[in-house]
Amino acid sequence: MGKLRNEQESYAREMGLTQRIEYTGGNAIYIGKAFPGTLTSEAKWQICKLTYDGDGNMTALNWCQGLDSFEFVWDDRATAYNYS
């Protein structure tokens, strides 16, 4: 099917990705995304950390090492990285 006027092709980073979510106290703390088949021990994950206020409202979503790239190890999310 052709493009309509003013349409552009785009790449959606979420399309077809495997996702992992770690919960603590009912809230998602870490979210990781990678291409299907990626092992959790491979440095091919995009990871973010969510923070919450005292009422349980999400206040920030911080990227691993300040980057949204797919170069981190899911298994090391809580011990080896900084989130900013």
C-alpha atoms as a PDB file:
ATOM      1  CA  MET A   1       0.000   0.000   0.000  1.00  0.00           C
ATOM      2  CA  GLY A   2       1.337   3.422  -0.915  1.00  0.00           C
ATOM      3  CA  LYS A   3       1.772   6.387   1.373  1.00  0.00           C
ATOM      4  CA  LEU A   4      -0.898   9.013   1.621  1.00  0.00           C
ATOM      5  CA  ARG A   5      -0.026  12.661   1.247  1.00  0.00           C
ATOM      6  CA  ASN A   6       2.239  13.968   4.070  1.00  0.00           C
ATOM      7  CA  GLU A   7       2.883  10.476   5.474  1.00  0.00           C
ATOM      8  CA  GLN A   8       6.384   9.366   6.372  1.00  0.00           C
ATOM      9  CA  GLU A   9       7.778   5.971   7.206  1.00  0.00           C
ATOM     10  CA  SER A  10       8.982   5.650  10.775  1.00  0.00           C
ATOM     11  CA  TYR A  11      10.582   3.082  12.991  1.00  0.00           C
ATOM     12  CA  ALA A  12       8.850   2.281  16.275  1.00  0.00           C
ATOM     13  CA  ARG A  13      11.367   1.052  18.846  1.00  0.00           C
ATOM     14  CA  GLU A  14       8.703  -0.951  20.692  1.00  0.00           C
ATOM     15  CA  MET A  15       7.611  -3.063  17.729  1.00  0.00           C
ATOM     16  CA  GLY A  16       8.317  -6.728  18.322  1.00  0.00           C
ATOM     17  CA  LEU A  17      10.480  -6.284  21.409  1.00  0.00           C
ATOM     18  CA  THR A  18      10.620  -8.628  24.372  1.00  0.00           C
ATOM     19  CA  GLN A  19       9.891  -6.865  27.661  1.00  0.00           C
ATOM     20  CA  ARG A  20      10.839  -7.662  31.250  1.00  0.00           C
ATOM     21  CA  ILE A  21       9.382  -5.849  34.257  1.00  0.00           C
ATOM     22  CA  GLU A  22      10.506  -6.081  37.870  1.00  0.00           C
ATOM     23  CA  TYR A  23       7.956  -5.132  40.527  1.00  0.00           C
ATOM     24  CA  THR A  24       8.443  -4.111  44.142  1.00  0.00           C
ATOM     25  CA  GLY A  25       5.480  -3.438  46.423  1.00  0.00           C
ATOM     26  CA  GLY A  26       3.050  -3.528  43.498  1.00  0.00           C
ATOM     27  CA  ASN A  27       4.934  -0.906  41.466  1.00  0.00           C
ATOM     28  CA  ALA A  28       7.075  -1.507  38.406  1.00  0.00           C
ATOM     29  CA  ILE A  29      10.646  -0.554  39.286  1.00  0.00           C
ATOM     30  CA  TYR A  30      12.654  -1.644  36.241  1.00  0.00           C
ATOM     31  CA  ILE A  31      11.529  -2.073  32.643  1.00  0.00           C
ATOM     32  CA  GLY A  32      13.772  -3.743  30.088  1.00  0.00           C
ATOM     33  CA  LYS A  33      13.313  -4.179  26.357  1.00  0.00           C
ATOM     34  CA  ALA A  34      15.307  -6.258  23.886  1.00  0.00           C
ATOM     35  CA  PHE A  35      14.863  -8.063  20.597  1.00  0.00           C
ATOM     36  CA  PRO A  36      13.276 -11.516  20.833  1.00  0.00           C
ATOM     37  CA  GLY A  37      15.716 -14.268  21.739  1.00  0.00           C
ATOM     38  CA  THR A  38      18.076 -11.995  23.671  1.00  0.00           C
ATOM     39  CA  LEU A  39      19.330 -13.615  26.862  1.00  0.00           C
ATOM     40  CA  THR A  40      19.000 -11.603  30.077  1.00  0.00           C
ATOM     41  CA  SER A  41      22.777 -11.982  30.475  1.00  0.00           C
ATOM     42  CA  GLU A  42      23.551 -10.299  27.133  1.00  0.00           C
ATOM     43  CA  ALA A  43      24.494  -6.621  26.867  1.00  0.00           C
ATOM     44  CA  LYS A  44      21.629  -5.921  24.454  1.00  0.00           C
ATOM     45  CA  TRP A  45      18.934  -4.490  26.725  1.00  0.00           C
ATOM     46  CA  GLN A  46      17.386  -1.038  27.016  1.00  0.00           C
ATOM     47  CA  ILE A  47      16.630  -0.503  30.715  1.00  0.00           C
ATOM     48  CA  CYS A  48      14.851   2.219  32.654  1.00  0.00           C
ATOM     49  CA  LYS A  49      14.103   2.662  36.343  1.00  0.00           C
ATOM     50  CA  LEU A  50      10.878   4.186  37.641  1.00  0.00           C
ATOM     51  CA  THR A  51      10.723   6.148  40.887  1.00  0.00           C
ATOM     52  CA  TYR A  52       7.681   6.921  43.001  1.00  0.00           C
ATOM     53  CA  ASP A  53       6.666   9.400  45.691  1.00  0.00           C
ATOM     54  CA  GLY A  54       5.303   8.424  49.119  1.00  0.00           C
ATOM     55  CA  ASP A  55       1.769   8.114  47.705  1.00  0.00           C
ATOM     56  CA  GLY A  56       2.856   5.595  45.067  1.00  0.00           C
ATOM     57  CA  ASN A  57       2.658   8.047  42.171  1.00  0.00           C
ATOM     58  CA  MET A  58       5.363   7.688  39.543  1.00  0.00           C
ATOM     59  CA  THR A  59       7.605  10.750  39.591  1.00  0.00           C
ATOM     60  CA  ALA A  60      10.404   9.865  37.163  1.00  0.00           C
ATOM     61  CA  LEU A  61      11.517   7.442  34.492  1.00  0.00           C
ATOM     62  CA  ASN A  62      15.308   7.345  34.357  1.00  0.00           C
ATOM     63  CA  TRP A  63      17.411   5.612  31.701  1.00  0.00           C
ATOM     64  CA  CYS A  64      20.265   3.258  32.512  1.00  0.00           C
ATOM     65  CA  GLN A  65      23.521   5.267  32.483  1.00  0.00           C
ATOM     66  CA  GLY A  66      21.421   8.146  31.073  1.00  0.00           C
ATOM     67  CA  LEU A  67      21.131   6.350  27.700  1.00  0.00           C
ATOM     68  CA  ASP A  68      18.190   4.742  25.924  1.00  0.00           C
ATOM     69  CA  SER A  69      20.434   2.452  23.888  1.00  0.00           C
ATOM     70  CA  PHE A  70      20.294  -1.337  23.749  1.00  0.00           C
ATOM     71  CA  GLU A  71      23.660  -2.062  25.396  1.00  0.00           C
ATOM     72  CA  PHE A  72      22.954  -3.155  28.957  1.00  0.00           C
ATOM     73  CA  VAL A  73      22.586  -6.466  30.807  1.00  0.00           C
ATOM     74  CA  TRP A  74      19.139  -7.057  32.316  1.00  0.00           C
ATOM     75  CA  ASP A  75      20.570  -9.325  35.025  1.00  0.00           C
ATOM     76  CA  ASP A  76      22.774  -6.425  36.250  1.00  0.00           C
ATOM     77  CA  ARG A  77      20.043  -3.754  36.286  1.00  0.00           C
ATOM     78  CA  ALA A  78      20.012  -3.186  40.071  1.00  0.00           C
ATOM     79  CA  THR A  79      23.715  -3.525  40.841  1.00  0.00           C
ATOM     80  CA  ALA A  80      25.912  -2.323  37.986  1.00  0.00           C
ATOM     81  CA  TYR A  81      24.277   0.824  36.613  1.00  0.00           C
ATOM     82  CA  ASN A  82      23.337   4.381  37.518  1.00  0.00           C
ATOM     83  CA  TYR A  83      20.024   5.868  36.435  1.00  0.00           C
ATOM     84  CA  SER A  84      19.656   9.540  35.525  1.00  0.00           C
END
